[in-house]
Protein backbone atom coordinates (compact mmCIF):
# COMPACT_ATOMS: atom_id res chain seq x y z
CA MET A 1 72.26 -39.58 -6.73
CA SER A 2 71.03 -39.49 -10.33
CA VAL A 3 68.94 -42.12 -11.51
CA SER A 4 69.66 -44.00 -15.03
CA ILE A 5 66.88 -44.88 -17.82
CA LYS A 6 67.92 -48.44 -17.31
CA GLU A 7 66.74 -48.24 -13.60
CA VAL A 8 63.62 -46.74 -14.64
CA ALA A 9 63.17 -49.49 -17.30
CA SER A 10 63.75 -52.31 -14.71
CA ARG A 11 61.58 -50.43 -12.15
CA ALA A 12 58.53 -50.85 -14.59
CA GLY A 13 59.57 -53.83 -16.04
CA VAL A 14 59.75 -52.81 -19.75
CA SER A 15 62.71 -52.29 -22.31
CA ILE A 16 64.98 -49.15 -22.16
CA SER A 17 63.49 -48.28 -25.63
CA THR A 18 60.10 -48.56 -24.23
CA VAL A 19 60.95 -45.83 -21.70
CA SER A 20 62.67 -43.89 -24.32
CA ARG A 21 59.31 -44.00 -26.52
CA VAL A 22 57.54 -42.75 -23.37
CA ILE A 23 59.62 -39.71 -22.67
CA ASN A 24 59.83 -38.73 -26.15
CA GLY A 25 56.16 -38.81 -26.85
CA SER A 26 55.72 -41.81 -29.13
CA LYS A 27 52.43 -42.99 -30.02
CA LYS A 28 53.78 -46.58 -30.33
CA VAL A 29 53.57 -47.39 -26.46
CA SER A 30 50.22 -48.97 -25.14
CA PRO A 31 48.50 -46.91 -22.54
CA LEU A 32 49.35 -49.61 -19.76
CA LEU A 33 52.74 -49.38 -20.65
CA LYS A 34 52.49 -45.83 -20.73
CA VAL A 35 51.35 -45.75 -17.37
CA LYS A 36 53.78 -48.00 -15.86
CA VAL A 37 56.76 -46.19 -17.21
CA GLU A 38 55.15 -42.64 -16.00
CA ARG A 39 55.12 -44.29 -12.52
CA ALA A 40 58.42 -45.56 -12.38
CA ILE A 41 59.80 -42.11 -13.50
CA SER A 42 57.63 -40.53 -10.97
CA GLU A 43 58.78 -42.94 -8.23
CA THR A 44 62.43 -42.74 -9.18
CA ASN A 45 62.81 -39.00 -9.64
CA TYR A 46 64.12 -39.72 -13.07
CA SER A 47 64.93 -36.41 -14.87
CA THR A 48 65.56 -36.31 -18.68
CA ASN A 49 67.64 -33.63 -20.57
CA SER A 50 64.05 -32.64 -22.33
CA ILE A 51 62.72 -32.37 -18.91
CA ALA A 52 65.49 -30.01 -17.54
CA ARG A 53 65.50 -28.30 -20.97
CA GLY A 54 61.87 -27.48 -20.08
CA LEU A 55 62.71 -25.98 -16.88
CA LYS A 56 65.08 -23.50 -18.36
CA ILE A 57 61.85 -22.13 -20.10
CA SER A 58 59.36 -22.70 -17.57
CA LYS A 59 57.25 -24.90 -19.74
CA THR A 60 57.29 -28.58 -20.30
CA LYS A 61 54.27 -29.66 -21.54
CA ASN A 62 53.74 -32.14 -18.80
CA ILE A 63 50.81 -32.54 -16.51
CA ALA A 64 50.44 -34.40 -13.42
CA VAL A 65 47.53 -36.27 -12.77
CA ILE A 66 47.25 -37.24 -9.14
CA ILE A 67 44.63 -39.72 -8.03
CA THR A 68 43.91 -42.14 -5.16
CA ALA A 69 44.26 -45.28 -7.19
CA ILE A 70 44.16 -46.41 -10.56
CA SER A 71 42.45 -49.81 -9.47
CA ARG A 72 39.52 -47.66 -8.59
CA THR A 73 37.68 -48.29 -11.78
CA PHE A 74 35.90 -44.80 -11.57
CA PHE A 75 39.17 -43.64 -12.65
CA THR A 76 39.44 -45.62 -15.94
CA ASP A 77 37.42 -43.36 -18.18
CA VAL A 78 38.49 -40.26 -16.35
CA LEU A 79 42.12 -40.82 -17.16
CA GLU A 80 41.03 -41.59 -20.81
CA GLY A 81 39.16 -38.29 -21.13
CA ILE A 82 42.35 -36.41 -19.65
CA SER A 83 44.80 -38.25 -22.00
CA LYS A 84 42.77 -37.71 -25.13
CA GLU A 85 42.10 -33.62 -24.28
CA ALA A 86 45.93 -33.60 -23.55
CA GLU A 87 47.17 -35.23 -26.42
CA GLU A 88 45.13 -32.73 -28.73
CA HIS A 89 46.61 -29.97 -26.78
CA GLY A 90 50.42 -31.38 -27.12
CA TYR A 91 50.79 -32.29 -23.45
CA SER A 92 51.94 -35.26 -21.77
CA VAL A 93 50.37 -36.91 -18.80
CA VAL A 94 51.99 -38.60 -15.64
CA ILE A 95 50.01 -40.41 -13.35
CA ALA A 96 50.81 -40.87 -9.77
CA GLU A 97 48.82 -42.48 -6.97
CA THR A 98 48.38 -41.56 -3.39
CA TYR A 99 46.46 -44.78 -2.05
CA ASP A 100 44.22 -42.00 0.15
CA SER A 101 47.33 -41.06 1.75
CA ILE A 102 47.32 -37.44 2.74
CA GLU A 103 51.09 -37.32 3.18
CA LYS A 104 51.51 -39.11 -0.18
CA GLU A 105 49.57 -36.46 -2.22
CA MET A 106 51.34 -33.37 -0.25
CA TYR A 107 54.68 -35.02 -1.29
CA LEU A 108 53.58 -35.39 -4.77
CA VAL A 109 52.31 -32.03 -5.11
CA ASP A 110 55.52 -30.69 -4.23
CA TYR A 111 57.57 -32.97 -6.02
CA PHE A 112 55.95 -32.36 -9.34
CA VAL A 113 56.03 -28.80 -8.60
CA SER A 114 59.51 -28.61 -8.19
CA GLN A 115 60.34 -30.90 -11.23
CA TRP A 116 58.57 -30.72 -14.23
CA VAL A 117 54.83 -29.98 -14.71
CA ASP A 118 53.01 -26.97 -16.19
CA GLY A 119 49.70 -28.07 -14.06
CA ILE A 120 48.14 -30.52 -11.92
CA ILE A 121 44.40 -32.43 -12.00
CA LEU A 122 44.03 -33.73 -8.59
CA ALA A 123 41.56 -36.13 -7.15
CA SER A 124 42.46 -35.21 -3.73
CA SER A 125 42.52 -37.39 -0.41
CA ALA A 126 42.41 -34.40 1.83
CA TYR A 127 39.86 -34.80 4.26
CA GLY A 128 39.37 -33.72 7.83
CA ASN A 129 39.45 -30.36 9.21
CA GLY A 130 43.31 -30.68 10.71
CA LEU A 131 45.51 -27.57 10.73
CA LYS A 132 48.11 -29.78 8.37
CA VAL A 133 45.13 -30.47 5.88
CA ARG A 134 43.89 -26.85 6.01
CA LYS A 135 47.06 -25.17 5.40
CA TYR A 136 47.80 -27.71 2.46
CA LEU A 137 44.56 -26.79 1.04
CA GLU A 138 44.60 -23.31 1.55
CA GLY A 139 48.18 -23.51 -0.45
CA LEU A 140 46.97 -25.16 -3.51
CA ASP A 141 46.48 -21.72 -5.52
CA LYS A 142 49.85 -20.54 -4.53
CA LEU A 143 51.94 -23.10 -6.32
CA ASP A 144 54.73 -21.58 -8.31
CA LYS A 145 57.78 -22.53 -10.36
CA LYS A 146 60.27 -19.99 -11.08
CA GLY A 147 57.54 -17.13 -10.09
CA ALA A 148 55.00 -18.88 -12.55
CA ARG A 149 51.70 -20.01 -10.95
CA ILE A 150 51.06 -23.77 -11.36
CA PRO A 151 47.22 -24.42 -11.56
CA VAL A 152 45.35 -27.04 -10.21
CA ILE A 153 42.27 -28.52 -11.14
CA THR A 154 40.24 -30.82 -8.91
CA LEU A 155 37.98 -33.73 -9.51
CA GLU A 156 35.08 -35.23 -7.99
CA TYR A 157 34.25 -32.02 -5.67
CA PRO A 158 35.18 -28.63 -5.05
CA ILE A 159 38.05 -28.65 -2.20
CA ASN A 160 38.02 -25.99 0.49
CA ASN A 161 39.93 -23.11 -1.54
CA LYS A 162 38.01 -20.46 -3.14
CA ASN A 163 40.58 -20.09 -5.93
CA VAL A 164 41.03 -23.56 -7.27
CA ASP A 165 38.63 -24.77 -10.27
CA ALA A 166 36.93 -28.07 -9.76
CA VAL A 167 34.90 -30.32 -12.19
CA ALA A 168 32.19 -32.35 -10.36
CA ILE A 169 28.98 -33.46 -9.70
CA ASP A 170 26.32 -32.60 -6.89
CA ASN A 171 27.34 -35.97 -4.72
CA GLU A 172 24.41 -35.10 -1.94
CA GLN A 173 21.93 -34.50 -4.80
CA ALA A 174 22.97 -37.64 -6.52
CA ALA A 175 22.59 -39.94 -3.43
CA TYR A 176 19.33 -38.35 -2.56
CA GLU A 177 17.65 -39.10 -5.89
CA ALA A 178 19.21 -42.74 -5.57
CA VAL A 179 17.65 -43.51 -2.18
CA THR A 180 14.53 -41.47 -3.12
CA TYR A 181 14.22 -43.85 -6.34
CA LEU A 182 14.41 -47.09 -3.81
CA ILE A 183 11.96 -45.67 -1.60
CA ARG A 184 9.26 -44.02 -4.29
CA GLN A 185 9.71 -46.51 -7.11
CA ILE A 186 10.77 -49.80 -5.46
CA HIS A 187 8.86 -49.35 -2.43
CA CYS A 188 11.67 -49.95 0.10
CA LYS A 189 11.42 -49.45 3.68
CA ASN A 190 14.77 -50.35 5.46
CA ILE A 191 17.81 -49.42 3.24
CA LEU A 192 21.68 -50.10 4.16
CA HIS A 193 23.91 -47.56 3.15
CA ILE A 194 27.34 -49.09 2.23
CA CYS A 195 29.55 -46.15 2.49
CA ILE A 196 33.06 -44.69 1.73
CA PRO A 197 34.85 -43.70 4.65
CA PHE A 198 32.85 -41.02 6.85
CA GLU A 199 35.84 -38.56 6.88
CA HIS A 200 36.07 -38.14 2.92
CA TYR A 201 33.88 -35.10 1.76
CA LEU A 202 32.49 -37.59 -0.76
CA GLY A 203 31.49 -39.63 2.17
CA GLN A 204 29.89 -36.77 4.05
CA GLU A 205 28.00 -35.28 0.82
CA ARG A 206 26.48 -38.87 0.04
CA MET A 207 25.62 -39.53 3.72
CA ALA A 208 23.97 -36.12 3.87
CA GLY A 209 21.87 -37.20 0.51
CA PHE A 210 20.98 -40.62 1.81
CA LYS A 211 19.83 -39.13 5.18
CA ARG A 212 17.59 -36.32 3.39
CA ALA A 213 16.03 -38.96 1.30
CA LEU A 214 14.95 -40.98 4.62
CA GLU A 215 13.47 -37.88 6.12
CA GLU A 216 11.67 -36.51 3.47
CA ASN A 217 9.74 -39.78 2.93
CA GLY A 218 8.76 -40.39 6.42
CA LEU A 219 11.58 -43.05 7.25
CA PRO A 220 13.65 -42.87 10.31
CA PHE A 221 17.36 -43.13 9.76
CA VAL A 222 19.25 -46.14 11.78
CA GLN A 223 22.76 -45.65 12.38
CA GLU A 224 22.94 -49.84 12.49
CA ASN A 225 22.25 -49.66 8.81
CA VAL A 226 25.38 -47.69 7.61
CA VAL A 227 28.39 -49.45 7.20
CA GLU A 228 31.55 -47.91 6.55
CA CYS A 229 33.60 -49.50 4.02
CA ASP A 230 36.79 -48.71 1.88
CA TYR A 231 35.59 -48.55 -1.43
CA THR A 232 36.65 -52.23 -2.49
CA SER A 233 34.20 -55.19 -3.52
CA TYR A 234 35.63 -57.20 -0.83
CA SER A 235 34.69 -54.73 2.08
CA GLY A 236 31.00 -54.61 0.37
CA TYR A 237 30.80 -58.15 0.44
CA LYS A 238 32.01 -58.46 3.97
CA ALA A 239 29.37 -55.88 5.22
CA VAL A 240 26.25 -57.54 3.88
CA LYS A 241 27.82 -61.10 4.97
CA LYS A 242 27.75 -59.45 8.78
CA ILE A 243 24.83 -57.86 8.69
CA ALA A 244 22.77 -60.54 7.11
CA GLY A 245 24.46 -62.69 9.63
CA GLN A 246 22.47 -61.13 12.28
CA ARG A 247 19.40 -59.74 10.62
CA ARG A 248 17.62 -59.74 7.03
CA ASP A 249 15.02 -57.18 7.72
CA PHE A 250 16.53 -54.71 4.94
CA ASP A 251 14.95 -54.62 1.48
CA GLY A 252 17.16 -52.27 -0.02
CA ILE A 253 20.94 -51.32 -0.22
CA PHE A 254 22.66 -48.08 -1.60
CA CYS A 255 26.33 -48.33 -2.30
CA ASP A 256 28.51 -45.38 -2.48
CA ASN A 257 30.44 -46.77 -5.44
CA ASP A 258 29.65 -49.86 -7.81
CA GLN A 259 32.79 -51.50 -6.66
CA MET A 260 31.54 -52.43 -3.30
CA ALA A 261 27.98 -53.10 -4.87
CA VAL A 262 29.48 -56.05 -6.96
CA GLY A 263 30.91 -57.45 -3.78
CA VAL A 264 27.30 -56.61 -2.32
CA LEU A 265 25.83 -58.54 -5.11
CA LYS A 266 28.00 -61.74 -4.54
CA ALA A 267 27.23 -61.72 -0.81
CA CYS A 268 23.34 -61.82 -1.61
CA GLU A 269 24.07 -64.67 -4.04
CA GLU A 270 25.97 -66.64 -1.54
CA LEU A 271 23.11 -66.04 1.00
CA HIS A 272 20.52 -66.82 -1.45
CA ILE A 273 18.91 -63.44 -0.87
CA ARG A 274 17.20 -62.54 -4.58
CA ILE A 275 17.55 -59.66 -6.29
CA PRO A 276 15.62 -57.75 -6.72
CA GLU A 277 12.67 -60.02 -5.10
CA ASP A 278 13.94 -59.53 -1.70
CA VAL A 279 16.29 -56.76 -1.94
CA ALA A 280 16.99 -53.98 -4.56
CA ILE A 281 20.46 -52.63 -5.05
CA MET A 282 21.78 -49.38 -6.16
CA GLY A 283 25.45 -48.46 -7.07
CA ASN A 284 27.19 -45.37 -7.76
CA ASP A 285 29.34 -44.18 -10.74
CA ASP A 286 27.99 -46.27 -13.47
CA VAL A 287 31.40 -48.03 -14.44
CA PHE A 288 31.47 -50.74 -16.86
CA VAL A 289 31.20 -53.82 -14.74
CA ALA A 290 27.73 -52.28 -13.71
CA SER A 291 26.33 -53.45 -16.98
CA VAL A 292 27.63 -56.85 -17.11
CA VAL A 293 27.18 -58.41 -13.81
CA SER A 294 24.39 -60.67 -13.20
CA PRO A 295 21.83 -59.08 -12.18
CA SER A 296 22.80 -56.05 -14.04
CA LEU A 297 23.48 -53.15 -11.58
CA SER A 298 21.40 -50.01 -11.15
CA SER A 299 23.58 -47.07 -10.73
CA ILE A 300 24.08 -43.26 -10.50
CA HIS A 301 25.65 -42.70 -13.96
CA VAL A 302 28.59 -40.13 -13.59
CA PRO A 303 30.05 -38.52 -16.88
CA LYS A 304 33.92 -39.85 -15.99
CA TYR A 305 35.25 -39.09 -19.40
CA GLU A 306 33.45 -35.92 -19.40
CA MET A 307 34.69 -35.09 -16.31
CA GLY A 308 38.44 -35.96 -17.33
CA ALA A 309 38.19 -34.06 -20.71
CA LEU A 310 36.67 -31.19 -19.06
CA ALA A 311 39.11 -31.02 -16.33
CA MET A 312 41.94 -30.98 -18.95
CA LYS A 313 40.45 -28.56 -21.50
CA ARG A 314 39.72 -26.02 -18.33
CA LEU A 315 43.65 -26.56 -17.51
CA VAL A 316 44.62 -25.69 -20.86
CA GLU A 317 42.64 -22.75 -20.96
CA VAL A 318 44.32 -21.56 -17.39
CA LEU A 319 47.92 -22.52 -18.65
CA SER A 320 47.24 -20.34 -22.10
CA ALA A 321 45.88 -17.28 -20.19
CA ILE A 322 49.25 -17.45 -17.91
CA GLU A 323 51.43 -17.93 -21.06
CA GLU A 324 49.68 -14.90 -22.62
CA GLY A 325 50.15 -12.83 -19.70
CA LYS A 326 46.70 -12.46 -19.02
CA LYS A 327 45.21 -11.88 -15.54
CA TYR A 328 44.93 -15.55 -13.69
CA PRO A 329 41.41 -16.41 -14.74
CA LYS A 330 38.57 -16.35 -11.87
CA ARG A 331 37.62 -19.81 -10.36
CA LYS A 332 35.08 -22.21 -12.08
CA VAL A 333 33.42 -24.96 -10.49
CA LEU A 334 32.19 -27.08 -13.53
CA LEU A 335 29.12 -29.30 -12.42
CA LEU A 336 28.10 -32.23 -14.87
CA GLN A 337 24.85 -33.84 -14.64
CA HIS A 338 24.37 -37.46 -13.02
CA GLN A 339 21.28 -39.78 -14.01
CA ILE A 340 20.09 -42.79 -12.44
CA ILE A 341 20.23 -45.90 -14.54
CA GLU A 342 17.73 -48.69 -13.85
CA ARG A 343 18.83 -52.28 -14.45
CA GLU A 344 18.02 -55.74 -13.21
CA SER A 345 19.33 -55.30 -9.58
CA THR A 346 15.89 -53.03 -8.77
CA VAL A 347 13.51 -53.93 -11.30
CA LYS A 348 12.84 -57.81 -11.82
CA ASP A 349 13.05 -58.63 -15.57
CA ASN A 350 14.37 -55.43 -16.86
CA ARG A 351 15.94 -56.70 -20.05
CA GLU A 352 16.77 -52.97 -21.18
CA SER A 353 20.61 -52.20 -21.33
CA LEU A 354 20.22 -48.69 -20.27
CA LYS A 355 16.97 -46.61 -19.22
CA TYR A 356 17.66 -43.00 -17.84
CA LEU A 357 15.48 -41.48 -14.81
CA PHE A 358 15.42 -37.81 -15.21
CA TRP A 359 14.77 -36.29 -11.71
């Protein structure tokens, strides 16, 4: 049963004219409304005549961006970088969320390939070594529409497929440097690790960096100092509340993202734990909120806008090669540089808005 534009508008909570403007690439639509409409189009499987025309010539000028969740502030700048680079090259961007469901991710990849995109930028939720996951990842370089390959560019880390491009940072090294900073510069001796799910590749990499920093600096790894959370501020808040209710022998906390770190800051405030006098806190990603919370949050700066823009730029390069009938480009893994930004959560009375530490 076909879906009408009226149903798409109702799903997105906007007018029919707004849906029409988004479909036709009008610049008179706010980014927020555009995201709502594109999400509604994806969720309702709506297909326009322009999309149908594009399929006939195997080129739609549409790019699918599949991420875990728009609510994760890390993706705000990433999506901006993708969108601006896409606009410069005449592409439209459709955004979909997986909410960390590998089943949803696989469905979305299949759906976009079969319907109306020329390429995919993917922040994958795939982790684990199950047969289903392995087969899915191995097949990402074999996606095609009417015989034309659909290229995939992954974000944050290279997936286990040697033929799929990636734009990433060295997550293991970044975590190592952050924890080493807490040990050598701030003189922390007992550091908590508030981490993202252990099964996720990013979680594994950051855990490896955490352990390496402890080992190289002569500190023991204590399993009880590691708390698995779910990316959210509330999970970081609960983790510290629970630990502090049992013991307060820790003097440093490394968080796998800034959202969890904000929750940690709130918990410490309620527990009358002084930051950084009693406990130093280091986040990861350096999202905007890190600079405006009080105390401001030291963090690992990840060039998020550049990550998105570079992913889109690489996708355009690959699509151009395909269109010109050239040999499919050799895989590239583009590693961006991270930096530690020192703020008030690790240094008392630090009034500098940004202080970059190079390693």
